[in-house]
Amino acid sequence: MGNAEGKSKDSEKSASSSSSVKNDKRVEQAFVKLAGSTSNFLTFGQLKEIFNEGLAESLWNYLSDSKSYDAKLTYQEFSRHATTLMGMSTDIYVVACQPLLHLIKLCSEAAAAGAVSGDEKFIGHLANEMCASGSNAQAIICWKNAMCPKFCSALQGLVLQVLLDIDYVSILTQCMIAYVCDEESCNYSRSQKSSPHATPPIC
């Protein structure tokens, strides 16, 4: 009797969750934007047509739970993880875009600050600092939130601009941008005093 009631509650919770996702117009909009209005499936090739290959690979592996690049993703499969990319937090981008050097590359490129010759030493120092407390995604998230909360913001903005048709860059006024830059400079100055090896955040 107890097991039957438990299964019934689990079924109701699953049905409720499924219904919630099904009614999320943002997810429907994103799927149509990526797969097209006449397709019932999303492919890796379609992601590559919209995003660069490195970001497309990370998004595909995250959204599909690491399916083969030759596989197809249904709307139901896509909706399992798509909503997590649309939240306010950028933590999920750290999880989705591992390993660390790949994450740094994607975030830098999204911010139009891709690495050039001579940046290798800086990137190495940055990576070492980011994983000083651990190289797993959770440790890197802790570093991001403490030292550079906006580290993945450009990457998030790039993805959401495609999925939701929102120009996140234009949301910030020049006044806001100036304040953010001043705030980050202050944060970096404080961290420099406490740690002579601290690296400036890419925000």
N, C-alpha and C. Protein backbone atom coordinates (compact mmCIF):
# COMPACT_ATOMS: atom_id res chain seq x y z
N MET A 1 0.83 -1.20 0.00
CA MET A 1 0.00 0.00 0.00
C MET A 1 0.87 1.26 0.00
N GLY A 2 1.88 1.23 0.91
CA GLY A 2 2.79 2.38 1.00
C GLY A 2 3.54 2.59 -0.29
N ASN A 3 4.02 1.46 -0.92
CA ASN A 3 4.75 1.58 -2.17
C ASN A 3 3.87 2.14 -3.27
N ALA A 4 2.61 1.70 -3.28
CA ALA A 4 1.67 2.16 -4.31
C ALA A 4 1.44 3.66 -4.20
N GLU A 5 1.29 4.13 -2.93
CA GLU A 5 1.08 5.56 -2.72
C GLU A 5 2.31 6.35 -3.14
N GLY A 6 3.50 5.79 -2.82
CA GLY A 6 4.75 6.46 -3.18
C GLY A 6 4.89 6.58 -4.68
N LYS A 7 4.57 5.49 -5.40
CA LYS A 7 4.67 5.51 -6.86
C LYS A 7 3.68 6.50 -7.45
N SER A 8 2.49 6.56 -6.83
CA SER A 8 1.46 7.48 -7.31
C SER A 8 1.93 8.92 -7.18
N LYS A 9 2.54 9.24 -6.02
CA LYS A 9 3.03 10.60 -5.80
C LYS A 9 4.16 10.93 -6.77
N ASP A 10 5.05 9.95 -7.00
CA ASP A 10 6.15 10.16 -7.94
C ASP A 10 5.63 10.42 -9.34
N SER A 11 4.58 9.67 -9.72
CA SER A 11 3.99 9.83 -11.04
C SER A 11 3.37 11.20 -11.20
N GLU A 12 2.67 11.64 -10.11
CA GLU A 12 2.04 12.96 -10.15
C GLU A 12 3.10 14.06 -10.27
N LYS A 13 4.21 13.91 -9.52
CA LYS A 13 5.28 14.89 -9.56
C LYS A 13 5.91 14.94 -10.94
N SER A 14 6.13 13.74 -11.53
CA SER A 14 6.71 13.67 -12.86
C SER A 14 5.81 14.31 -13.90
N ALA A 15 4.50 14.02 -13.78
CA ALA A 15 3.53 14.57 -14.73
C ALA A 15 3.46 16.08 -14.60
N SER A 16 3.50 16.56 -13.35
CA SER A 16 3.45 18.00 -13.11
C SER A 16 4.67 18.70 -13.68
N SER A 17 5.86 18.08 -13.47
CA SER A 17 7.09 18.64 -14.00
C SER A 17 7.08 18.67 -15.51
N SER A 18 6.61 17.56 -16.11
CA SER A 18 6.54 17.46 -17.56
C SER A 18 5.60 18.52 -18.13
N SER A 19 4.46 18.71 -17.44
CA SER A 19 3.48 19.70 -17.89
C SER A 19 4.06 21.10 -17.80
N SER A 20 4.83 21.37 -16.73
CA SER A 20 5.42 22.69 -16.54
C SER A 20 6.38 23.02 -17.67
N VAL A 21 7.22 22.02 -18.03
CA VAL A 21 8.18 22.22 -19.11
C VAL A 21 7.46 22.40 -20.43
N LYS A 22 6.41 21.57 -20.62
CA LYS A 22 5.66 21.61 -21.87
C LYS A 22 5.03 22.98 -22.08
N ASN A 23 4.63 23.63 -20.99
CA ASN A 23 3.96 24.92 -21.09
C ASN A 23 4.93 26.10 -21.07
N ASP A 24 6.23 25.82 -20.97
CA ASP A 24 7.22 26.89 -20.95
C ASP A 24 7.47 27.36 -22.38
N LYS A 25 6.90 28.49 -22.72
CA LYS A 25 7.00 29.01 -24.08
C LYS A 25 8.44 29.31 -24.47
N ARG A 26 9.27 29.62 -23.48
CA ARG A 26 10.68 29.91 -23.78
C ARG A 26 11.38 28.70 -24.36
N VAL A 27 11.08 27.53 -23.79
CA VAL A 27 11.70 26.29 -24.27
C VAL A 27 11.23 25.98 -25.69
N GLU A 28 9.93 26.15 -25.91
CA GLU A 28 9.39 25.91 -27.25
C GLU A 28 10.03 26.85 -28.26
N GLN A 29 10.15 28.12 -27.89
CA GLN A 29 10.75 29.12 -28.77
C GLN A 29 12.20 28.75 -29.08
N ALA A 30 12.94 28.34 -28.05
CA ALA A 30 14.35 27.99 -28.24
C ALA A 30 14.50 26.79 -29.16
N PHE A 31 13.65 25.78 -28.97
CA PHE A 31 13.74 24.58 -29.80
C PHE A 31 13.47 24.91 -31.27
N VAL A 32 12.44 25.70 -31.51
CA VAL A 32 12.10 26.10 -32.88
C VAL A 32 13.23 26.93 -33.49
N LYS A 33 13.83 27.80 -32.67
CA LYS A 33 14.92 28.65 -33.16
C LYS A 33 16.10 27.80 -33.60
N LEU A 34 16.38 26.73 -32.87
CA LEU A 34 17.53 25.89 -33.17
C LEU A 34 17.24 24.83 -34.23
N ALA A 35 16.09 24.18 -34.11
CA ALA A 35 15.79 23.04 -34.99
C ALA A 35 14.99 23.43 -36.23
N GLY A 36 14.31 24.57 -36.18
CA GLY A 36 13.46 24.96 -37.29
C GLY A 36 12.00 24.68 -36.97
N SER A 37 11.12 25.39 -37.62
CA SER A 37 9.69 25.29 -37.30
C SER A 37 9.04 24.01 -37.81
N THR A 38 9.71 23.29 -38.72
CA THR A 38 9.09 22.09 -39.29
C THR A 38 9.75 20.80 -38.82
N SER A 39 10.74 20.91 -37.94
CA SER A 39 11.47 19.72 -37.50
C SER A 39 11.07 19.30 -36.08
N ASN A 40 11.02 17.99 -35.87
CA ASN A 40 10.73 17.45 -34.54
C ASN A 40 12.00 17.06 -33.80
N PHE A 41 13.15 17.29 -34.44
CA PHE A 41 14.42 16.88 -33.85
C PHE A 41 15.45 18.00 -33.96
N LEU A 42 16.38 18.00 -33.01
CA LEU A 42 17.52 18.91 -33.05
C LEU A 42 18.77 18.07 -33.26
N THR A 43 19.65 18.51 -34.14
CA THR A 43 20.88 17.78 -34.41
C THR A 43 22.09 18.63 -34.01
N PHE A 44 23.22 17.96 -33.86
CA PHE A 44 24.46 18.67 -33.55
C PHE A 44 24.83 19.61 -34.70
N GLY A 45 24.58 19.16 -35.92
CA GLY A 45 24.87 20.00 -37.08
C GLY A 45 24.12 21.32 -37.04
N GLN A 46 22.89 21.29 -36.57
CA GLN A 46 22.10 22.53 -36.47
C GLN A 46 22.69 23.48 -35.43
N LEU A 47 23.19 22.93 -34.34
CA LEU A 47 23.85 23.77 -33.33
C LEU A 47 25.10 24.42 -33.91
N LYS A 48 25.86 23.65 -34.71
CA LYS A 48 27.09 24.18 -35.30
C LYS A 48 26.82 25.29 -36.31
N GLU A 49 25.64 25.29 -36.89
CA GLU A 49 25.29 26.35 -37.84
C GLU A 49 25.05 27.68 -37.13
N ILE A 50 24.76 27.61 -35.84
CA ILE A 50 24.42 28.82 -35.07
C ILE A 50 25.56 29.25 -34.15
N PHE A 51 26.18 28.27 -33.47
CA PHE A 51 27.27 28.57 -32.55
C PHE A 51 28.59 28.06 -33.14
N ASN A 52 29.72 28.55 -32.62
CA ASN A 52 31.00 27.99 -33.06
C ASN A 52 31.10 26.55 -32.57
N GLU A 53 32.00 25.79 -33.17
CA GLU A 53 32.04 24.36 -32.91
C GLU A 53 32.28 24.02 -31.45
N GLY A 54 33.18 24.75 -30.79
CA GLY A 54 33.48 24.46 -29.39
C GLY A 54 32.27 24.65 -28.49
N LEU A 55 31.54 25.74 -28.68
CA LEU A 55 30.34 25.98 -27.88
C LEU A 55 29.24 25.01 -28.26
N ALA A 56 29.12 24.71 -29.55
CA ALA A 56 28.11 23.75 -30.00
C ALA A 56 28.33 22.38 -29.37
N GLU A 57 29.59 21.96 -29.26
CA GLU A 57 29.90 20.67 -28.64
C GLU A 57 29.49 20.66 -27.17
N SER A 58 29.81 21.74 -26.45
CA SER A 58 29.46 21.81 -25.03
C SER A 58 27.95 21.80 -24.83
N LEU A 59 27.24 22.58 -25.64
CA LEU A 59 25.78 22.64 -25.52
C LEU A 59 25.15 21.31 -25.87
N TRP A 60 25.66 20.67 -26.92
CA TRP A 60 25.10 19.37 -27.32
C TRP A 60 25.31 18.34 -26.22
N ASN A 61 26.53 18.26 -25.70
CA ASN A 61 26.82 17.27 -24.66
C ASN A 61 25.97 17.51 -23.42
N TYR A 62 25.74 18.78 -23.08
CA TYR A 62 24.93 19.09 -21.91
C TYR A 62 23.46 18.79 -22.15
N LEU A 63 22.93 19.27 -23.26
CA LEU A 63 21.50 19.10 -23.55
C LEU A 63 21.12 17.65 -23.83
N SER A 64 22.03 16.90 -24.42
CA SER A 64 21.71 15.52 -24.83
C SER A 64 22.23 14.47 -23.86
N ASP A 65 22.85 14.91 -22.76
CA ASP A 65 23.50 13.96 -21.84
C ASP A 65 24.55 13.15 -22.58
N SER A 66 25.35 13.85 -23.39
CA SER A 66 26.50 13.29 -24.11
C SER A 66 26.12 12.22 -25.13
N LYS A 67 25.05 12.44 -25.86
CA LYS A 67 24.71 11.54 -26.96
C LYS A 67 25.74 11.68 -28.08
N SER A 68 25.76 10.70 -28.98
CA SER A 68 26.61 10.77 -30.15
C SER A 68 26.28 12.01 -30.97
N TYR A 69 27.29 12.56 -31.64
CA TYR A 69 27.06 13.73 -32.48
C TYR A 69 26.21 13.40 -33.70
N ASP A 70 26.02 12.13 -33.96
CA ASP A 70 25.16 11.71 -35.08
C ASP A 70 23.71 11.51 -34.64
N ALA A 71 23.47 11.60 -33.34
CA ALA A 71 22.12 11.35 -32.81
C ALA A 71 21.20 12.55 -33.06
N LYS A 72 19.93 12.36 -32.72
CA LYS A 72 18.94 13.42 -32.82
C LYS A 72 18.29 13.63 -31.46
N LEU A 73 17.96 14.87 -31.16
CA LEU A 73 17.39 15.22 -29.86
C LEU A 73 15.93 15.62 -30.05
N THR A 74 15.03 14.94 -29.34
CA THR A 74 13.61 15.30 -29.42
C THR A 74 13.34 16.53 -28.56
N TYR A 75 12.17 17.11 -28.71
CA TYR A 75 11.81 18.28 -27.90
C TYR A 75 11.78 17.90 -26.42
N GLN A 76 11.24 16.71 -26.12
CA GLN A 76 11.17 16.27 -24.72
C GLN A 76 12.57 16.15 -24.12
N GLU A 77 13.51 15.60 -24.89
CA GLU A 77 14.88 15.47 -24.41
C GLU A 77 15.53 16.84 -24.25
N PHE A 78 15.31 17.70 -25.21
CA PHE A 78 15.86 19.06 -25.17
C PHE A 78 15.36 19.82 -23.95
N SER A 79 14.08 19.67 -23.64
CA SER A 79 13.46 20.44 -22.56
C SER A 79 13.94 20.03 -21.17
N ARG A 80 14.56 18.85 -21.04
CA ARG A 80 15.04 18.40 -19.73
C ARG A 80 16.05 19.37 -19.13
N HIS A 81 16.93 19.90 -19.97
CA HIS A 81 18.01 20.76 -19.46
C HIS A 81 17.95 22.19 -19.98
N ALA A 82 17.15 22.44 -21.01
CA ALA A 82 17.16 23.77 -21.64
C ALA A 82 16.81 24.89 -20.66
N THR A 83 15.85 24.65 -19.77
CA THR A 83 15.43 25.71 -18.84
C THR A 83 16.57 26.15 -17.92
N THR A 84 17.48 25.24 -17.60
CA THR A 84 18.57 25.60 -16.69
C THR A 84 19.52 26.61 -17.32
N LEU A 85 19.57 26.64 -18.65
CA LEU A 85 20.42 27.61 -19.35
C LEU A 85 19.80 29.00 -19.35
N MET A 86 18.51 29.09 -19.01
CA MET A 86 17.78 30.34 -19.12
C MET A 86 17.61 31.07 -17.79
N GLY A 87 18.19 30.55 -16.73
CA GLY A 87 18.06 31.18 -15.42
C GLY A 87 18.98 32.38 -15.26
N MET A 88 18.91 33.04 -14.12
CA MET A 88 19.73 34.21 -13.85
C MET A 88 21.17 33.83 -13.54
N SER A 89 21.37 32.68 -12.91
CA SER A 89 22.71 32.26 -12.52
C SER A 89 23.50 31.75 -13.73
N THR A 90 24.81 32.00 -13.71
CA THR A 90 25.67 31.47 -14.78
C THR A 90 26.41 30.21 -14.34
N ASP A 91 26.09 29.71 -13.16
CA ASP A 91 26.79 28.52 -12.64
C ASP A 91 26.71 27.34 -13.61
N ILE A 92 25.56 27.17 -14.26
CA ILE A 92 25.36 26.01 -15.11
C ILE A 92 26.30 26.03 -16.31
N TYR A 93 26.76 27.22 -16.70
CA TYR A 93 27.68 27.31 -17.83
C TYR A 93 29.06 26.77 -17.46
N VAL A 94 29.42 26.90 -16.19
CA VAL A 94 30.67 26.30 -15.71
C VAL A 94 30.57 24.78 -15.81
N VAL A 95 29.43 24.25 -15.44
CA VAL A 95 29.20 22.80 -15.49
C VAL A 95 29.20 22.31 -16.94
N ALA A 96 28.50 23.03 -17.80
CA ALA A 96 28.31 22.58 -19.18
C ALA A 96 29.55 22.73 -20.05
N CYS A 97 30.44 23.64 -19.68
CA CYS A 97 31.56 23.96 -20.58
C CYS A 97 32.92 23.53 -20.05
N GLN A 98 32.95 22.46 -19.29
CA GLN A 98 34.22 21.89 -18.86
C GLN A 98 34.90 21.20 -20.04
N PRO A 99 36.23 21.02 -20.02
CA PRO A 99 37.17 21.33 -18.94
C PRO A 99 37.47 22.83 -18.82
N LEU A 100 38.27 23.18 -17.81
CA LEU A 100 38.48 24.57 -17.44
C LEU A 100 39.03 25.43 -18.57
N LEU A 101 40.08 24.97 -19.25
CA LEU A 101 40.67 25.79 -20.31
C LEU A 101 39.67 26.02 -21.45
N HIS A 102 38.81 25.04 -21.67
CA HIS A 102 37.76 25.18 -22.68
C HIS A 102 36.76 26.25 -22.24
N LEU A 103 36.42 26.25 -20.96
CA LEU A 103 35.52 27.26 -20.40
C LEU A 103 36.11 28.66 -20.55
N ILE A 104 37.38 28.82 -20.20
CA ILE A 104 38.04 30.11 -20.33
C ILE A 104 38.03 30.59 -21.78
N LYS A 105 38.29 29.68 -22.70
CA LYS A 105 38.30 30.02 -24.13
C LYS A 105 36.92 30.50 -24.59
N LEU A 106 35.88 29.76 -24.21
CA LEU A 106 34.53 30.13 -24.63
C LEU A 106 34.10 31.46 -24.04
N CYS A 107 34.40 31.67 -22.76
CA CYS A 107 34.02 32.94 -22.11
C CYS A 107 34.77 34.12 -22.72
N SER A 108 36.04 33.92 -23.02
CA SER A 108 36.84 35.00 -23.62
C SER A 108 36.34 35.34 -25.01
N GLU A 109 36.06 34.32 -25.81
CA GLU A 109 35.58 34.55 -27.18
C GLU A 109 34.21 35.21 -27.17
N ALA A 110 33.35 34.81 -26.24
CA ALA A 110 32.02 35.41 -26.15
C ALA A 110 32.10 36.89 -25.79
N ALA A 111 33.14 37.25 -25.05
CA ALA A 111 33.34 38.64 -24.66
C ALA A 111 34.18 39.40 -25.68
N ALA A 112 34.39 38.78 -26.86
CA ALA A 112 35.20 39.39 -27.93
C ALA A 112 36.61 39.68 -27.44
N ALA A 113 37.13 38.78 -26.59
CA ALA A 113 38.48 38.95 -26.05
C ALA A 113 39.24 37.64 -26.16
N GLY A 114 39.14 37.02 -27.33
CA GLY A 114 39.81 35.74 -27.54
C GLY A 114 41.31 35.86 -27.36
N ALA A 115 41.94 34.79 -26.95
CA ALA A 115 43.38 34.80 -26.68
C ALA A 115 44.18 35.06 -27.96
N VAL A 116 45.28 35.77 -27.79
CA VAL A 116 46.22 36.01 -28.89
C VAL A 116 47.59 35.52 -28.44
N SER A 117 48.53 35.52 -29.36
CA SER A 117 49.88 35.07 -29.04
C SER A 117 50.45 35.89 -27.89
N GLY A 118 50.97 35.20 -26.89
CA GLY A 118 51.52 35.88 -25.72
C GLY A 118 50.62 35.81 -24.51
N ASP A 119 49.39 35.35 -24.71
CA ASP A 119 48.43 35.26 -23.60
C ASP A 119 48.55 33.96 -22.81
N GLU A 120 49.39 33.05 -23.30
CA GLU A 120 49.45 31.72 -22.70
C GLU A 120 49.79 31.75 -21.20
N LYS A 121 50.76 32.59 -20.84
CA LYS A 121 51.19 32.65 -19.44
C LYS A 121 50.06 33.17 -18.55
N PHE A 122 49.38 34.23 -19.01
CA PHE A 122 48.28 34.79 -18.24
C PHE A 122 47.17 33.76 -18.06
N ILE A 123 46.83 33.06 -19.15
CA ILE A 123 45.76 32.06 -19.08
C ILE A 123 46.14 30.95 -18.12
N GLY A 124 47.42 30.56 -18.15
CA GLY A 124 47.89 29.53 -17.22
C GLY A 124 47.75 29.96 -15.78
N HIS A 125 48.14 31.22 -15.48
CA HIS A 125 48.01 31.74 -14.11
C HIS A 125 46.54 31.82 -13.71
N LEU A 126 45.70 32.27 -14.63
CA LEU A 126 44.27 32.37 -14.35
C LEU A 126 43.68 31.00 -14.04
N ALA A 127 44.03 30.01 -14.86
CA ALA A 127 43.51 28.65 -14.65
C ALA A 127 43.97 28.09 -13.31
N ASN A 128 45.23 28.35 -12.96
CA ASN A 128 45.74 27.86 -11.68
C ASN A 128 45.00 28.49 -10.51
N GLU A 129 44.71 29.78 -10.63
CA GLU A 129 43.98 30.46 -9.55
C GLU A 129 42.56 29.95 -9.44
N MET A 130 41.92 29.73 -10.60
CA MET A 130 40.53 29.29 -10.60
C MET A 130 40.35 27.92 -9.98
N CYS A 131 41.37 27.07 -10.11
CA CYS A 131 41.24 25.71 -9.55
C CYS A 131 42.13 25.51 -8.33
N ALA A 132 42.49 26.61 -7.67
CA ALA A 132 43.34 26.52 -6.48
C ALA A 132 42.69 25.70 -5.38
N SER A 133 41.37 25.75 -5.29
CA SER A 133 40.65 25.01 -4.24
C SER A 133 40.09 23.69 -4.75
N GLY A 134 40.36 23.38 -6.01
CA GLY A 134 39.84 22.14 -6.60
C GLY A 134 39.57 22.34 -8.08
N SER A 135 39.70 21.27 -8.85
CA SER A 135 39.53 21.39 -10.29
C SER A 135 38.15 20.96 -10.77
N ASN A 136 37.28 20.55 -9.84
CA ASN A 136 35.93 20.15 -10.25
C ASN A 136 35.07 21.38 -10.48
N ALA A 137 33.95 21.17 -11.14
CA ALA A 137 33.08 22.29 -11.52
C ALA A 137 32.60 23.09 -10.31
N GLN A 138 32.27 22.42 -9.21
CA GLN A 138 31.75 23.12 -8.03
C GLN A 138 32.80 24.06 -7.44
N ALA A 139 34.06 23.62 -7.42
CA ALA A 139 35.13 24.47 -6.89
C ALA A 139 35.33 25.70 -7.77
N ILE A 140 35.23 25.50 -9.08
CA ILE A 140 35.38 26.62 -10.02
C ILE A 140 34.21 27.59 -9.89
N ILE A 141 33.02 27.05 -9.67
CA ILE A 141 31.85 27.90 -9.44
C ILE A 141 32.05 28.77 -8.20
N CYS A 142 32.59 28.18 -7.15
CA CYS A 142 32.85 28.93 -5.91
C CYS A 142 33.84 30.06 -6.18
N TRP A 143 34.88 29.77 -6.96
CA TRP A 143 35.85 30.82 -7.30
C TRP A 143 35.16 31.93 -8.09
N LYS A 144 34.39 31.55 -9.08
CA LYS A 144 33.70 32.54 -9.92
C LYS A 144 32.82 33.46 -9.07
N ASN A 145 32.01 32.87 -8.24
CA ASN A 145 31.06 33.65 -7.44
C ASN A 145 31.76 34.56 -6.44
N ALA A 146 32.93 34.15 -5.97
CA ALA A 146 33.65 34.94 -4.99
C ALA A 146 34.55 36.00 -5.63
N MET A 147 35.19 35.66 -6.75
CA MET A 147 36.19 36.53 -7.35
C MET A 147 35.74 37.28 -8.60
N CYS A 148 34.89 36.65 -9.39
CA CYS A 148 34.49 37.27 -10.65
C CYS A 148 33.11 36.77 -11.06
N PRO A 149 32.06 37.28 -10.41
CA PRO A 149 30.70 36.79 -10.66
C PRO A 149 30.26 36.90 -12.12
N LYS A 150 30.87 37.81 -12.87
CA LYS A 150 30.44 38.02 -14.25
C LYS A 150 31.30 37.24 -15.25
N PHE A 151 32.11 36.34 -14.78
CA PHE A 151 33.04 35.62 -15.65
C PHE A 151 32.34 34.95 -16.83
N CYS A 152 31.17 34.38 -16.61
CA CYS A 152 30.45 33.67 -17.68
C CYS A 152 29.30 34.48 -18.26
N SER A 153 29.19 35.74 -17.89
CA SER A 153 28.03 36.53 -18.31
C SER A 153 27.95 36.72 -19.82
N ALA A 154 29.09 36.98 -20.46
CA ALA A 154 29.08 37.16 -21.91
C ALA A 154 28.68 35.88 -22.62
N LEU A 155 29.15 34.75 -22.10
CA LEU A 155 28.80 33.46 -22.68
C LEU A 155 27.31 33.19 -22.52
N GLN A 156 26.79 33.45 -21.33
CA GLN A 156 25.35 33.30 -21.09
C GLN A 156 24.56 34.21 -22.02
N GLY A 157 25.01 35.46 -22.15
CA GLY A 157 24.32 36.41 -23.01
C GLY A 157 24.29 35.96 -24.45
N LEU A 158 25.40 35.39 -24.92
CA LEU A 158 25.48 34.89 -26.29
C LEU A 158 24.46 33.78 -26.53
N VAL A 159 24.40 32.83 -25.59
CA VAL A 159 23.47 31.70 -25.73
C VAL A 159 22.02 32.17 -25.66
N LEU A 160 21.72 33.02 -24.68
CA LEU A 160 20.33 33.46 -24.50
C LEU A 160 19.87 34.41 -25.60
N GLN A 161 20.81 35.12 -26.18
CA GLN A 161 20.45 35.99 -27.30
C GLN A 161 19.92 35.15 -28.46
N VAL A 162 20.50 33.96 -28.63
CA VAL A 162 20.03 33.04 -29.68
C VAL A 162 18.74 32.35 -29.25
N LEU A 163 18.72 31.80 -28.04
CA LEU A 163 17.57 31.01 -27.60
C LEU A 163 16.31 31.84 -27.41
N LEU A 164 16.48 33.05 -26.87
CA LEU A 164 15.31 33.85 -26.49
C LEU A 164 15.13 35.12 -27.31
N ASP A 165 16.03 35.36 -28.26
CA ASP A 165 15.94 36.58 -29.09
C ASP A 165 15.98 37.85 -28.25
N ILE A 166 16.81 37.84 -27.20
CA ILE A 166 16.95 39.02 -26.34
C ILE A 166 18.36 39.55 -26.48
N ASP A 167 18.49 40.82 -26.78
CA ASP A 167 19.80 41.44 -26.90
C ASP A 167 20.27 41.86 -25.51
N TYR A 168 20.95 40.93 -24.82
CA TYR A 168 21.36 41.20 -23.44
C TYR A 168 22.39 42.32 -23.36
N VAL A 169 23.18 42.49 -24.40
CA VAL A 169 24.21 43.53 -24.37
C VAL A 169 23.58 44.91 -24.27
N SER A 170 22.46 45.11 -24.96
CA SER A 170 21.84 46.43 -25.00
C SER A 170 21.07 46.76 -23.72
N ILE A 171 20.91 45.79 -22.83
CA ILE A 171 20.18 46.03 -21.59
C ILE A 171 20.96 46.98 -20.68
N LEU A 172 22.30 46.89 -20.68
CA LEU A 172 23.13 47.74 -19.84
C LEU A 172 23.33 49.11 -20.49
N THR A 173 23.05 50.15 -19.75
CA THR A 173 23.32 51.51 -20.22
C THR A 173 24.80 51.81 -20.00
N GLN A 174 25.30 52.89 -20.59
CA GLN A 174 26.69 53.28 -20.40
C GLN A 174 26.99 53.55 -18.93
N CYS A 175 26.01 54.12 -18.22
CA CYS A 175 26.18 54.39 -16.80
C CYS A 175 26.38 53.09 -16.02
N MET A 176 25.55 52.09 -16.36
CA MET A 176 25.65 50.79 -15.68
C MET A 176 27.00 50.14 -15.97
N ILE A 177 27.43 50.21 -17.24
CA ILE A 177 28.70 49.60 -17.62
C ILE A 177 29.85 50.24 -16.85
N ALA A 178 29.82 51.58 -16.73
CA ALA A 178 30.86 52.30 -16.01
C ALA A 178 30.90 51.86 -14.55
N TYR A 179 29.71 51.69 -13.95
CA TYR A 179 29.64 51.26 -12.55
C TYR A 179 30.20 49.86 -12.38
N VAL A 180 29.83 48.95 -13.29
CA VAL A 180 30.30 47.57 -13.22
C VAL A 180 31.82 47.54 -13.33
N CYS A 181 32.37 48.32 -14.28
CA CYS A 181 33.82 48.35 -14.46
C CYS A 181 34.52 48.87 -13.22
N ASP A 182 33.98 49.94 -12.63
CA ASP A 182 34.57 50.50 -11.41
C ASP A 182 34.51 49.49 -10.27
N GLU A 183 33.38 48.79 -10.18
CA GLU A 183 33.20 47.82 -9.10
C GLU A 183 34.19 46.69 -9.24
N GLU A 184 34.37 46.20 -10.48
CA GLU A 184 35.31 45.10 -10.69
C GLU A 184 36.74 45.55 -10.42
N SER A 185 37.07 46.81 -10.78
CA SER A 185 38.41 47.32 -10.53
C SER A 185 38.70 47.37 -9.04
N CYS A 186 37.69 47.80 -8.27
CA CYS A 186 37.84 47.85 -6.81
C CYS A 186 38.04 46.45 -6.24
N ASN A 187 37.24 45.50 -6.73
CA ASN A 187 37.36 44.13 -6.25
C ASN A 187 38.73 43.57 -6.55
N TYR A 188 39.24 43.88 -7.76
CA TYR A 188 40.55 43.37 -8.13
C TYR A 188 41.65 44.01 -7.29
N SER A 189 41.52 45.33 -7.03
CA SER A 189 42.51 46.03 -6.22
C SER A 189 42.60 45.42 -4.83
N ARG A 190 41.43 45.09 -4.25
CA ARG A 190 41.41 44.49 -2.91
C ARG A 190 42.06 43.11 -2.94
N SER A 191 41.76 42.33 -4.00
CA SER A 191 42.31 40.97 -4.07
C SER A 191 43.81 41.02 -4.31
N GLN A 192 44.28 42.07 -5.03
CA GLN A 192 45.70 42.21 -5.30
C GLN A 192 46.47 42.45 -4.01
N LYS A 193 45.88 43.26 -3.11
CA LYS A 193 46.54 43.56 -1.85
C LYS A 193 46.66 42.31 -0.99
N SER A 194 45.62 41.48 -1.03
CA SER A 194 45.63 40.28 -0.19
C SER A 194 46.42 39.15 -0.82
N SER A 195 46.56 39.19 -2.16
CA SER A 195 47.30 38.14 -2.86
C SER A 195 48.10 38.75 -3.99
N PRO A 196 49.43 38.81 -3.88
CA PRO A 196 50.25 39.44 -4.91
C PRO A 196 50.19 38.72 -6.24
N HIS A 197 49.70 37.47 -6.25
CA HIS A 197 49.63 36.70 -7.49
C HIS A 197 48.24 36.70 -8.09
N ALA A 198 47.34 37.52 -7.54
CA ALA A 198 45.96 37.53 -8.04
C ALA A 198 45.94 38.04 -9.48
N THR A 199 45.07 37.45 -10.29
CA THR A 199 44.95 37.85 -11.68
C THR A 199 43.66 38.63 -11.87
N PRO A 200 43.65 39.61 -12.78
CA PRO A 200 42.44 40.40 -12.99
C PRO A 200 41.34 39.57 -13.59
N PRO A 201 40.09 39.75 -13.16
CA PRO A 201 38.99 38.97 -13.69
C PRO A 201 38.64 39.38 -15.11
N ILE A 202 38.24 38.40 -15.92
CA ILE A 202 37.78 38.70 -17.27
C ILE A 202 36.28 38.88 -17.18
N CYS A 203 35.81 40.10 -16.97
CA CYS A 203 34.38 40.36 -16.80
C CYS A 203 33.94 41.45 -17.75
